[in-house]
Protein backbone atom coordinates (compact mmCIF):
# COMPACT_ATOMS: atom_id res chain seq x y z
CA UNK A 1 -166.40 18.47 42.23
CA UNK A 2 -163.50 17.17 44.26
CA UNK A 3 -163.12 14.06 42.09
CA UNK A 4 -163.08 16.14 38.92
CA UNK A 5 -160.36 18.38 40.36
CA UNK A 6 -158.23 15.36 41.30
CA UNK A 7 -158.61 13.87 37.80
CA UNK A 8 -157.55 17.18 36.27
CA UNK A 9 -154.47 17.29 38.52
CA UNK A 10 -153.45 13.79 37.48
CA UNK A 11 -153.78 14.61 33.80
CA UNK A 12 -151.61 17.75 34.05
CA UNK A 13 -148.82 15.99 35.95
CA UNK A 14 -145.50 16.41 34.13
CA UNK A 15 -143.07 13.63 33.23
CA UNK A 16 -140.39 15.42 35.27
CA UNK A 17 -142.50 15.18 38.44
CA UNK A 18 -143.13 11.47 37.78
CA UNK A 19 -139.39 10.95 37.38
CA UNK A 20 -138.66 12.70 40.67
CA UNK A 21 -141.16 10.52 42.53
CA UNK A 22 -139.70 7.33 40.99
CA UNK A 23 -136.15 8.28 42.03
CA UNK A 24 -136.93 7.42 45.65
CA UNK A 25 -137.40 3.72 44.84
CA UNK A 26 -134.21 3.74 42.76
CA UNK A 27 -131.94 5.33 45.41
CA UNK A 28 -130.94 2.15 47.37
CA UNK A 29 -129.89 0.41 44.17
CA UNK A 30 -128.04 3.52 42.99
CA UNK A 31 -126.08 3.68 46.26
CA UNK A 32 -125.00 0.04 45.83
CA UNK A 33 -124.04 0.75 42.23
CA UNK A 34 -121.85 3.68 43.24
CA UNK A 35 -120.08 1.53 45.81
CA UNK A 36 -119.47 -1.18 43.18
CA UNK A 37 -118.12 1.40 40.72
CA UNK A 38 -115.78 2.73 43.41
CA UNK A 39 -113.77 -0.53 43.43
CA UNK A 40 -113.98 -1.34 39.69
CA UNK A 41 -114.55 1.50 37.17
CA UNK A 42 -115.41 4.73 39.06
CA UNK A 43 -116.17 6.67 35.88
CA UNK A 44 -119.32 4.61 35.23
CA UNK A 45 -121.29 6.32 38.02
CA UNK A 46 -119.31 8.93 39.94
CA UNK A 47 -120.10 9.21 43.63
CA UNK A 48 -119.36 12.86 44.41
CA UNK A 49 -119.79 16.18 42.62
CA UNK A 50 -117.91 19.46 43.08
CA UNK A 51 -118.95 22.97 42.02
CA UNK A 52 -116.78 25.05 39.72
CA UNK A 53 -116.50 28.83 39.75
CA UNK A 54 -119.00 29.14 36.88
CA UNK A 55 -121.59 27.20 38.89
CA UNK A 56 -121.44 23.98 36.87
CA UNK A 57 -120.95 20.66 38.66
CA UNK A 58 -118.08 18.30 37.88
CA UNK A 59 -118.03 14.65 38.91
CA UNK A 60 -115.12 13.69 41.14
CA UNK A 61 -113.54 10.34 40.26
CA UNK A 62 -111.50 8.50 42.89
CA UNK A 63 -109.02 5.92 41.61
CA UNK A 64 -109.15 2.47 43.29
CA UNK A 65 -106.02 0.89 44.76
CA UNK A 66 -106.16 -2.20 42.53
CA UNK A 67 -107.07 -2.99 38.94
CA UNK A 68 -108.34 -6.55 39.40
CA UNK A 69 -111.96 -5.41 39.44
CA UNK A 70 -111.68 -3.27 36.30
CA UNK A 71 -109.65 -5.92 34.47
CA UNK A 72 -112.12 -8.66 35.37
CA UNK A 73 -115.20 -6.63 34.41
CA UNK A 74 -113.72 -5.59 31.04
CA UNK A 75 -112.62 -9.17 30.29
CA UNK A 76 -115.99 -10.70 31.15
CA UNK A 77 -117.93 -7.97 29.35
CA UNK A 78 -115.89 -8.49 26.17
CA UNK A 79 -116.62 -12.24 26.20
CA UNK A 80 -120.33 -11.71 26.85
CA UNK A 81 -120.68 -9.03 24.14
CA UNK A 82 -119.06 -11.28 21.51
CA UNK A 83 -121.33 -14.16 22.57
CA UNK A 84 -124.51 -12.08 22.47
CA UNK A 85 -123.71 -10.36 19.16
CA UNK A 86 -121.12 -12.46 17.29
CA UNK A 87 -119.50 -10.47 14.44
CA UNK A 88 -120.72 -11.33 10.91
CA UNK A 89 -122.74 -14.24 12.23
CA UNK A 90 -126.43 -14.60 12.96
CA UNK A 91 -127.20 -15.35 16.60
CA UNK A 92 -130.86 -16.11 15.82
CA UNK A 93 -132.86 -18.31 13.49
CA UNK A 94 -136.39 -18.30 12.12
CA UNK A 95 -137.95 -21.78 11.99
CA UNK A 96 -141.28 -23.11 10.82
CA UNK A 97 -142.85 -26.28 12.18
CA UNK A 98 -142.44 -29.17 9.72
CA UNK A 99 -146.08 -30.19 10.01
CA UNK A 100 -147.16 -26.65 9.12
CA UNK A 101 -144.82 -26.60 6.14
CA UNK A 102 -146.17 -29.93 4.88
CA UNK A 103 -149.76 -28.72 5.28
CA UNK A 104 -149.02 -25.65 3.20
CA UNK A 105 -147.23 -27.80 0.61
CA UNK A 106 -150.31 -30.01 0.34
CA UNK A 107 -152.57 -26.97 -0.02
CA UNK A 108 -150.42 -25.64 -2.86
CA UNK A 109 -149.99 -29.10 -4.43
CA UNK A 110 -146.19 -29.09 -4.20
CA UNK A 111 -143.66 -31.75 -3.26
CA UNK A 112 -143.16 -31.46 0.55
CA UNK A 113 -139.36 -31.84 0.63
CA UNK A 114 -138.75 -29.29 -2.11
CA UNK A 115 -141.28 -26.90 -0.59
CA UNK A 116 -139.56 -27.15 2.81
CA UNK A 117 -136.17 -26.41 1.23
CA UNK A 118 -137.61 -23.33 -0.47
CA UNK A 119 -139.12 -22.10 2.82
CA UNK A 120 -135.84 -22.57 4.71
CA UNK A 121 -133.95 -20.80 1.93
CA UNK A 122 -136.32 -17.83 2.11
CA UNK A 123 -136.02 -17.64 5.90
CA UNK A 124 -132.24 -17.75 5.61
CA UNK A 125 -132.28 -14.79 3.19
CA UNK A 126 -134.37 -12.74 5.63
CA UNK A 127 -131.95 -13.64 8.45
CA UNK A 128 -129.01 -12.34 6.42
CA UNK A 129 -130.87 -9.14 5.54
CA UNK A 130 -131.67 -8.51 9.20
CA UNK A 131 -128.04 -9.21 10.16
CA UNK A 132 -126.83 -6.69 7.55
CA UNK A 133 -129.25 -4.09 8.97
CA UNK A 134 -127.93 -4.73 12.49
CA UNK A 135 -124.31 -4.50 11.35
CA UNK A 136 -124.98 -1.11 9.72
CA UNK A 137 -126.22 0.25 13.05
CA UNK A 138 -122.99 -0.86 14.80
CA UNK A 139 -124.85 -1.77 17.99
CA UNK A 140 -122.05 -4.03 19.22
CA UNK A 141 -120.15 -1.09 20.73
CA UNK A 142 -123.20 0.03 22.70
CA UNK A 143 -123.91 -3.52 23.87
CA UNK A 144 -120.34 -3.89 25.16
CA UNK A 145 -120.65 -0.72 27.24
CA UNK A 146 -124.10 -1.73 28.45
CA UNK A 147 -122.85 -5.13 29.63
CA UNK A 148 -120.18 -3.39 31.73
CA UNK A 149 -122.88 -1.32 33.44
CA UNK A 150 -124.96 -4.45 33.91
CA UNK A 151 -122.14 -6.33 35.63
CA UNK A 152 -121.12 -3.44 37.88
CA UNK A 153 -124.33 -1.51 38.57
CA UNK A 154 -126.67 -4.44 37.96
CA UNK A 155 -128.95 -2.39 35.70
CA UNK A 156 -128.83 -0.61 32.35
CA UNK A 157 -131.48 0.74 29.97
CA UNK A 158 -131.27 0.44 26.17
CA UNK A 159 -133.36 2.39 23.67
CA UNK A 160 -133.38 1.55 19.96
CA UNK A 161 -133.40 4.39 17.46
CA UNK A 162 -134.20 3.28 13.88
CA UNK A 163 -131.60 5.72 12.49
CA UNK A 164 -128.86 5.72 15.14
CA UNK A 165 -129.23 2.24 16.60
CA UNK A 166 -128.97 1.41 20.30
CA UNK A 167 -128.26 3.95 23.03
CA UNK A 168 -127.72 3.04 26.67
CA UNK A 169 -128.62 4.91 29.85
CA UNK A 170 -126.81 4.22 33.15
CA UNK A 171 -128.75 3.69 36.35
CA UNK A 172 -128.54 7.37 37.39
CA UNK A 173 -130.23 8.40 34.12
CA UNK A 174 -133.45 6.36 34.15
CA UNK A 175 -136.18 4.98 36.40
CA UNK A 176 -138.31 1.90 35.82
CA UNK A 177 -141.38 0.33 37.40
CA UNK A 178 -142.07 -3.42 37.13
CA UNK A 179 -144.81 -5.72 38.34
CA UNK A 180 -144.12 -8.70 40.59
CA UNK A 181 -143.31 -10.99 37.65
CA UNK A 182 -140.71 -8.56 36.30
CA UNK A 183 -142.70 -7.08 33.43
CA UNK A 184 -142.00 -3.38 32.83
CA UNK A 185 -145.02 -1.13 33.39
CA UNK A 186 -143.42 2.29 33.03
CA UNK A 187 -139.95 3.69 32.36
CA UNK A 188 -138.58 7.25 32.14
CA UNK A 189 -135.15 8.32 30.87
CA UNK A 190 -133.33 11.58 31.56
CA UNK A 191 -130.77 13.20 29.25
CA UNK A 192 -129.31 16.60 28.44
CA UNK A 193 -129.92 18.35 25.09
CA UNK A 194 -128.92 21.71 23.64
CA UNK A 195 -131.37 24.50 22.95
CA UNK A 196 -130.88 24.43 19.19
CA UNK A 197 -131.37 20.64 19.12
CA UNK A 198 -135.05 21.18 19.96
CA UNK A 199 -137.69 21.51 17.22
CA UNK A 200 -138.14 25.11 16.08
CA UNK A 201 -141.85 24.94 16.89
CA UNK A 202 -141.30 24.94 20.64
CA UNK A 203 -138.00 26.82 21.01
CA UNK A 204 -139.67 30.12 21.90
CA UNK A 205 -142.02 28.45 24.36
CA UNK A 206 -139.16 26.58 26.05
CA UNK A 207 -137.08 29.78 26.22
CA UNK A 208 -139.93 31.60 27.93
CA UNK A 209 -140.12 28.83 30.54
CA UNK A 210 -136.36 28.99 31.12
CA UNK A 211 -136.37 32.78 31.51
CA UNK A 212 -139.29 32.59 33.92
CA UNK A 213 -137.48 30.00 36.05
CA UNK A 214 -134.21 31.96 35.89
CA UNK A 215 -135.90 35.19 36.97
CA UNK A 216 -137.27 33.44 40.03
CA UNK A 217 -133.83 32.12 41.04
CA UNK A 218 -131.56 35.10 40.31
CA UNK A 219 -131.09 38.14 38.09
CA UNK A 220 -127.67 37.31 36.66
CA UNK A 221 -126.48 38.51 33.19
CA UNK A 222 -127.38 37.54 29.68
CA UNK A 223 -128.34 34.01 28.66
CA UNK A 224 -126.27 32.35 25.91
CA UNK A 225 -128.55 30.09 23.92
CA UNK A 226 -125.72 28.06 22.36
CA UNK A 227 -124.54 27.08 25.87
CA UNK A 228 -128.01 26.47 27.28
CA UNK A 229 -128.49 22.86 28.43
CA UNK A 230 -131.97 21.45 28.95
CA UNK A 231 -133.22 18.20 30.46
CA UNK A 232 -135.16 15.94 28.10
CA UNK A 233 -137.43 13.28 29.60
CA UNK A 234 -138.66 10.29 27.56
CA UNK A 235 -141.54 8.25 28.94
CA UNK A 236 -142.49 4.68 27.99
CA UNK A 237 -145.81 3.51 29.39
CA UNK A 238 -147.69 0.25 28.97
CA UNK A 239 -151.30 0.84 27.93
CA UNK A 240 -153.35 -2.19 26.94
CA UNK A 241 -151.92 -3.72 23.76
CA UNK A 242 -149.48 -0.89 23.06
CA UNK A 243 -146.45 0.95 24.40
CA UNK A 244 -147.03 4.72 24.50
CA UNK A 245 -143.98 6.97 24.01
CA UNK A 246 -143.65 10.74 24.49
CA UNK A 247 -140.91 13.31 25.28
CA UNK A 248 -140.93 16.44 27.41
CA UNK A 249 -138.70 19.50 27.95
CA UNK A 250 -139.50 22.07 30.64
CA UNK A 251 -142.99 20.62 30.99
CA UNK A 252 -143.65 20.96 27.25
CA UNK A 253 -144.42 17.85 25.16
CA UNK A 254 -142.28 17.71 22.02
CA UNK A 255 -144.29 17.63 18.79
CA UNK A 256 -144.05 14.45 16.74
CA UNK A 257 -142.57 12.62 19.77
CA UNK A 258 -145.75 10.81 20.70
CA UNK A 259 -146.06 7.32 19.29
CA UNK A 260 -146.96 3.75 20.07
CA UNK A 261 -145.51 0.29 19.55
CA UNK A 262 -147.09 -3.19 19.79
CA UNK A 263 -146.96 -4.59 23.30
CA UNK A 264 -144.77 -7.54 22.25
CA UNK A 265 -142.23 -5.27 20.47
CA UNK A 266 -140.95 -2.79 23.04
CA UNK A 267 -138.77 0.12 21.80
CA UNK A 268 -136.54 -0.26 24.89
CA UNK A 269 -134.69 -3.07 26.67
CA UNK A 270 -134.36 -2.84 30.47
CA UNK A 271 -131.55 -5.20 31.47
CA UNK A 272 -130.69 -6.64 34.87
CA UNK A 273 -127.87 -8.96 35.89
CA UNK A 274 -129.64 -10.72 38.75
CA UNK A 275 -133.42 -10.51 38.57
CA UNK A 276 -135.38 -10.63 41.81
CA UNK A 277 -139.15 -11.07 41.71
CA UNK A 278 -141.02 -8.17 43.24
CA UNK A 279 -138.18 -5.65 42.69
CA UNK A 280 -138.05 -3.16 39.84
CA UNK A 281 -134.25 -3.19 39.68
CA UNK A 282 -131.67 -5.97 39.64
CA UNK A 283 -128.43 -6.70 41.46
CA UNK A 284 -124.98 -6.66 39.88
CA UNK A 285 -122.20 -9.23 39.81
CA UNK A 286 -119.78 -6.91 41.59
CA UNK A 287 -122.30 -6.33 44.39
CA UNK A 288 -122.38 -10.07 45.10
CA UNK A 289 -118.59 -10.15 45.58
CA UNK A 290 -118.08 -6.64 46.96
CA UNK A 291 -116.64 -8.12 50.15
CA UNK A 292 -113.64 -9.68 48.39
CA UNK A 293 -113.12 -6.71 46.08
CA UNK A 294 -113.21 -4.12 48.87
CA UNK A 295 -110.94 -6.29 51.06
CA UNK A 296 -108.44 -6.63 48.20
CA UNK A 297 -108.55 -2.87 47.69
CA UNK A 298 -107.75 -2.27 51.38
CA UNK A 299 -104.89 -4.81 51.39
CA UNK A 300 -103.50 -3.36 48.14
CA UNK A 301 -103.44 0.10 49.73
CA UNK A 302 -101.62 -1.23 52.80
CA UNK A 303 -99.05 -3.09 50.67
CA UNK A 304 -98.54 -0.02 48.49
CA UNK A 305 -97.94 2.24 51.50
CA UNK A 306 -95.62 -0.30 53.13
CA UNK A 307 -93.65 -0.70 49.91
CA UNK A 308 -93.22 3.06 49.58
CA UNK A 309 -92.13 3.33 53.20
CA UNK A 310 -89.72 0.42 52.79
CA UNK A 311 -88.17 1.89 49.64
CA UNK A 312 -87.31 5.15 51.39
CA UNK A 313 -83.55 5.38 52.00
CA UNK A 314 -82.52 7.16 55.22
CA UNK A 315 -79.01 6.88 56.72
CA UNK A 316 -78.64 7.08 60.51
CA UNK A 317 -75.41 8.51 61.94
CA UNK A 318 -74.28 7.95 65.51
CA UNK A 319 -74.41 11.36 67.23
CA UNK A 320 -71.59 10.41 69.64
CA UNK A 321 -69.38 8.94 66.91
CA UNK A 322 -66.48 10.50 65.04
CA UNK A 323 -68.25 10.47 61.63
CA UNK A 324 -69.57 13.87 60.51
CA UNK A 325 -72.82 14.12 58.53
CA UNK A 326 -71.44 17.12 56.65
CA UNK A 327 -68.47 15.10 55.41
CA UNK A 328 -70.74 12.34 54.14
CA UNK A 329 -73.09 14.77 52.40
CA UNK A 330 -70.29 16.69 50.69
CA UNK A 331 -68.34 13.60 49.63
CA UNK A 332 -68.48 12.88 45.92
CA UNK A 333 -69.37 9.52 44.44
CA UNK A 334 -66.19 7.43 44.84
CA UNK A 335 -64.65 10.08 47.10
CA UNK A 336 -63.28 9.85 50.65
CA UNK A 337 -64.62 10.97 54.05
CA UNK A 338 -63.32 10.55 57.58
CA UNK A 339 -65.44 8.28 59.74
CA UNK A 340 -66.22 4.82 61.04
CA UNK A 341 -68.48 2.24 59.41
CA UNK A 342 -70.14 1.47 62.73
CA UNK A 343 -71.36 5.08 62.98
CA UNK A 344 -73.49 4.91 59.79
CA UNK A 345 -76.38 2.46 59.28
CA UNK A 346 -79.49 2.53 57.02
CA UNK A 347 -82.93 2.79 58.56
CA UNK A 348 -84.84 -0.50 58.11
CA UNK A 349 -88.52 -1.20 58.73
CA UNK A 350 -88.03 -4.97 59.22
CA UNK A 351 -91.59 -5.63 58.01
CA UNK A 352 -90.74 -8.05 55.20
CA UNK A 353 -92.46 -11.09 56.73
CA UNK A 354 -95.53 -9.05 57.66
CA UNK A 355 -95.80 -7.88 54.05
CA UNK A 356 -95.47 -11.48 52.87
CA UNK A 357 -98.55 -12.40 54.90
CA UNK A 358 -100.52 -9.52 53.38
CA UNK A 359 -99.31 -10.39 49.86
CA UNK A 360 -100.34 -14.04 50.28
CA UNK A 361 -103.82 -12.96 51.37
CA UNK A 362 -104.08 -10.59 48.40
CA UNK A 363 -102.98 -13.36 45.99
CA UNK A 364 -105.61 -15.73 47.39
CA UNK A 365 -108.40 -13.17 46.92
CA UNK A 366 -107.14 -12.29 43.44
CA UNK A 367 -107.25 -15.94 42.34
CA UNK A 368 -110.80 -16.22 43.61
CA UNK A 369 -111.84 -13.07 41.73
CA UNK A 370 -110.10 -14.28 38.56
CA UNK A 371 -112.30 -17.36 38.62
CA UNK A 372 -115.41 -15.26 39.12
CA UNK A 373 -114.53 -13.01 36.18
CA UNK A 374 -113.55 -16.00 33.97
CA UNK A 375 -109.94 -14.86 33.64
CA UNK A 376 -107.28 -17.02 31.99
CA UNK A 377 -105.22 -16.90 35.16
CA UNK A 378 -107.92 -18.95 36.89
CA UNK A 379 -107.88 -21.69 34.25
CA UNK A 380 -104.23 -22.73 34.39
CA UNK A 381 -103.05 -23.92 37.78
CA UNK A 382 -99.62 -23.13 39.15
CA UNK A 383 -97.70 -26.28 38.22
CA UNK A 384 -94.84 -27.42 36.01
CA UNK A 385 -97.06 -29.58 33.78
CA UNK A 386 -100.68 -28.78 32.96
CA UNK A 387 -102.44 -31.00 30.42
CA UNK A 388 -104.55 -29.61 27.59
CA UNK A 389 -107.54 -31.66 28.76
CA UNK A 390 -107.31 -30.06 32.19
CA UNK A 391 -107.38 -26.59 30.67
CA UNK A 392 -110.35 -27.49 28.42
CA UNK A 393 -112.30 -28.91 31.34
CA UNK A 394 -111.74 -25.89 33.58
CA UNK A 395 -112.55 -23.48 30.75
CA UNK A 396 -115.82 -25.32 30.07
CA UNK A 397 -116.72 -25.18 33.77
CA UNK A 398 -116.13 -21.43 33.88
CA UNK A 399 -118.22 -20.82 30.78
CA UNK A 400 -121.05 -23.01 32.05
CA UNK A 401 -121.09 -20.92 35.24
CA UNK A 402 -122.59 -18.15 33.09
CA UNK A 403 -125.45 -20.37 31.95
CA UNK A 404 -128.07 -18.67 34.14
CA UNK A 405 -126.93 -15.24 32.94
CA UNK A 406 -127.16 -16.32 29.31
CA UNK A 407 -130.68 -17.60 29.94
CA UNK A 408 -131.76 -14.20 31.25
CA UNK A 409 -130.07 -12.36 28.37
CA UNK A 410 -131.67 -14.67 25.82
CA UNK A 411 -135.12 -13.67 27.04
CA UNK A 412 -134.59 -10.02 28.00
CA UNK A 413 -132.06 -8.90 25.38
CA UNK A 414 -131.44 -11.12 22.36
CA UNK A 415 -135.04 -11.89 21.44
CA UNK A 416 -136.17 -8.36 22.27
CA UNK A 417 -133.33 -6.94 20.13
CA UNK A 418 -134.28 -9.12 17.16
CA UNK A 419 -137.94 -8.10 17.45
CA UNK A 420 -137.34 -4.34 17.57
CA UNK A 421 -134.73 -4.36 14.77
CA UNK A 422 -136.99 -6.51 12.58
CA UNK A 423 -139.88 -4.13 13.34
CA UNK A 424 -137.91 -1.13 12.05
CA UNK A 425 -136.56 -3.09 9.07
CA UNK A 426 -140.09 -4.07 8.06
CA UNK A 427 -141.16 -0.42 8.26
CA UNK A 428 -138.43 0.34 5.73
CA UNK A 429 -139.17 -2.58 3.39
CA UNK A 430 -142.95 -2.39 3.71
CA UNK A 431 -145.12 -5.18 2.33
CA UNK A 432 -142.18 -6.87 0.58
CA UNK A 433 -140.98 -8.28 3.92
CA UNK A 434 -143.28 -10.75 5.73
CA UNK A 435 -143.89 -10.14 9.43
CA UNK A 436 -142.05 -13.21 10.74
CA UNK A 437 -141.83 -11.92 14.32
CA UNK A 438 -145.60 -11.76 14.78
CA UNK A 439 -146.39 -14.83 12.65
CA UNK A 440 -147.56 -17.64 14.94
CA UNK A 441 -146.26 -20.30 12.54
CA UNK A 442 -142.68 -18.96 12.74
CA UNK A 443 -140.55 -19.54 15.83
CA UNK A 444 -137.61 -17.33 16.81
CA UNK A 445 -134.72 -19.27 18.37
CA UNK A 446 -131.38 -17.97 19.65
CA UNK A 447 -128.29 -19.89 18.52
CA UNK A 448 -125.75 -18.37 20.95
CA UNK A 449 -125.52 -18.06 24.71
CA UNK A 450 -126.95 -20.98 26.68
CA UNK A 451 -127.77 -22.90 23.47
CA UNK A 452 -124.16 -22.59 22.32
CA UNK A 453 -122.96 -23.74 25.73
CA UNK A 454 -125.18 -26.83 25.41
CA UNK A 455 -123.73 -27.71 22.01
CA UNK A 456 -120.20 -27.16 23.29
CA UNK A 457 -120.90 -29.46 26.23
CA UNK A 458 -122.21 -32.17 23.86
CA UNK A 459 -119.08 -31.82 21.73
CA UNK A 460 -116.83 -32.16 24.78
CA UNK A 461 -118.70 -35.32 25.81
CA UNK A 462 -118.33 -36.76 22.32
CA UNK A 463 -114.58 -36.08 22.26
CA UNK A 464 -114.18 -37.60 25.73
CA UNK A 465 -116.18 -40.68 24.75
CA UNK A 466 -114.07 -41.53 21.70
CA UNK A 467 -110.87 -40.70 23.54
CA UNK A 468 -111.73 -43.23 26.26
CA UNK A 469 -112.92 -45.77 23.70
CA UNK A 470 -109.64 -45.46 21.80
CA UNK A 471 -107.81 -46.54 24.94
CA UNK A 472 -110.26 -49.19 26.24
CA UNK A 473 -111.48 -50.90 23.03
CA UNK A 474 -108.11 -52.37 21.89
CA UNK A 475 -107.47 -53.82 25.37
CA UNK A 476 -110.98 -55.29 25.51
CA UNK A 477 -110.56 -56.87 22.05
CA UNK A 478 -107.26 -58.48 23.07
CA UNK A 479 -108.83 -59.95 26.20
CA UNK A 480 -111.85 -61.22 24.28
CA UNK A 481 -114.31 -58.76 25.78
CA UNK A 482 -117.37 -57.24 24.13
CA UNK A 483 -116.90 -53.63 23.01
CA UNK A 484 -120.54 -52.49 22.82
CA UNK A 485 -121.47 -53.10 26.49
CA UNK A 486 -118.31 -51.25 27.51
CA UNK A 487 -119.25 -48.35 25.21
CA UNK A 488 -122.75 -48.19 26.70
CA UNK A 489 -121.30 -48.09 30.23
CA UNK A 490 -118.96 -45.22 29.31
CA UNK A 491 -121.81 -43.35 27.58
CA UNK A 492 -124.04 -43.77 30.65
CA UNK A 493 -121.35 -42.27 32.88
CA UNK A 494 -121.11 -39.27 30.52
CA UNK A 495 -124.91 -38.98 30.24
CA UNK A 496 -124.75 -39.52 26.47
CA UNK A 497 -127.06 -41.18 23.96
CA UNK A 498 -125.04 -43.39 21.58
CA UNK A 499 -128.02 -44.78 19.70
CA UNK A 500 -126.88 -45.41 16.13
CA UNK A 501 -123.16 -45.23 16.92
CA UNK A 502 -122.64 -48.97 16.24
CA UNK A 503 -123.91 -51.20 13.42
CA UNK A 504 -126.83 -53.51 14.11
CA UNK A 505 -126.68 -57.28 13.48
CA UNK A 506 -128.57 -56.91 10.18
CA UNK A 507 -126.19 -54.19 8.99
CA UNK A 508 -123.20 -56.35 9.95
CA UNK A 509 -124.62 -59.39 8.08
CA UNK A 510 -125.19 -57.21 5.03
CA UNK A 511 -121.65 -55.86 5.22
CA UNK A 512 -120.24 -59.44 5.48
CA UNK A 513 -122.30 -60.52 2.49
CA UNK A 514 -121.04 -57.56 0.46
CA UNK A 515 -117.47 -58.35 1.49
CA UNK A 516 -117.85 -62.00 0.40
CA UNK A 517 -119.26 -60.94 -2.95
CA UNK A 518 -116.40 -58.50 -3.44
CA UNK A 519 -113.87 -61.25 -2.61
CA UNK A 520 -115.47 -63.69 -5.10
CA UNK A 521 -115.46 -60.98 -7.74
CA UNK A 522 -111.79 -60.29 -7.15
CA UNK A 523 -110.99 -64.03 -7.49
CA UNK A 524 -113.11 -64.48 -10.61
CA UNK A 525 -111.88 -61.33 -12.36
CA UNK A 526 -108.47 -62.73 -13.54
CA UNK A 527 -110.08 -65.92 -14.96
CA UNK A 528 -112.68 -63.89 -16.80
CA UNK A 529 -109.97 -61.66 -18.25
CA UNK A 530 -107.96 -64.68 -19.44
CA UNK A 531 -111.02 -66.33 -20.99
CA UNK A 532 -111.94 -63.10 -22.71
CA UNK A 533 -108.41 -62.80 -24.10
CA UNK A 534 -108.44 -66.40 -25.42
CA UNK A 535 -111.78 -65.83 -27.11
CA UNK A 536 -110.49 -62.69 -28.83
CA UNK A 537 -107.39 -64.53 -30.06
CA UNK A 538 -109.48 -67.42 -31.48
CA UNK A 539 -111.81 -64.97 -33.26
CA UNK A 540 -108.87 -63.18 -34.89
CA UNK A 541 -107.35 -66.51 -36.02
CA UNK A 542 -110.63 -67.60 -37.63
CA UNK A 543 -110.93 -64.28 -39.45
CA UNK A 544 -107.40 -64.65 -40.86
């Protein structure tokens, strides 16, 4: 009997109680996130709350003493958002293995090359249709805001609605449970909804619950339904080969909210900046450099206070002198007053050199933070002449520093986003759209992020190689040196493969033979023309 009672208790457990129990594991990460927001963008997750006269709580936002953190986060988030979701450009590609395509071409008795072109053309059309569907949802705005939360708080939760697109939840609005490998097992979101936004089927039942709870707490006046705010909980749970979804308000499950998704196509995306195995939540970029940011905030406050104190103008008058303060105060601008210059002196703090030390320390920290946040100020050094190659090299180094982040986002965001959007698009199109995401013969590849960085690096190596060759090859030719061994040495230092860059001996012999034939043809052409002209003249003379 005891086991049956326990099972019954587990089944009747509400989503709200599960959320409350999961908040304990989230609290340390939430405290770190609030501290990071304090020095960057405090409005992301406010730290304190104050009560108004009507009983409602208002979040108190404290302004930081510097804007380097906010500027850096916004700059980096804008670059990342454009890289993850480039405007009017597909960041993904559907590919089929060439051997599979040729096997299908043989089965259908078609020419392999033409069949492969038709397959690639069809995949390209589906890519453009999916891109148009994503552009209609305008998810880029939500992704930009989510990346800001990811950099500062380290965590953010995205949910895809087939009608409204992506919505994000900050760290104080959701809880998540992962296994040791980082796979999500369960997630619960919390949000506020109005009474009339609920389905009509359960409005009366929810109102009865609210009145019962209100009667227990107090017996205050009438309840205005249009101002009534309720907490909506949405639960995502992994169960075998499916994701189970349901919503709850005041312990009541919303009708038509229960559903399920395939296990490989999750309706949510739980993002982390720095993933740590064995932990359900990640760590943010700002948390890693909170020491520099907080130190810069403290120094900025000291410099600000010192500057205000130094800008205050106070005149000191010798009490034993002949100059009267009243005469000075009543004297008009350009007027006259009796007194001695030695009796009046301005009050000076004499802290200029001390402030210079503090300002130099603040500048050093700011330069370091600019490099972390990939700011333009970190690319160009403070010098009279800075070459374009130097700027390109430093910019490439800064972008490559985000390679690990792009790798995580490729797996946890970009591919997951393509899968869930394609899932909803297929539900709209029905059988007319093939299920490419779940087809084992079709591979989904991401063409931005770390892949784009790799192509950019290859391009930079290619440009550097030919730039060096343009300077070295003429000198080597003048001195009688061999160009190809020099080219191979330069390519080895750049870690490049230059196979096929130079003509082989057979290709050179063929080119020489063609050149000789062209030269003979050019020499023989005038004689042939003259002979042809003489023959025509003789034929005309014979006819006459």
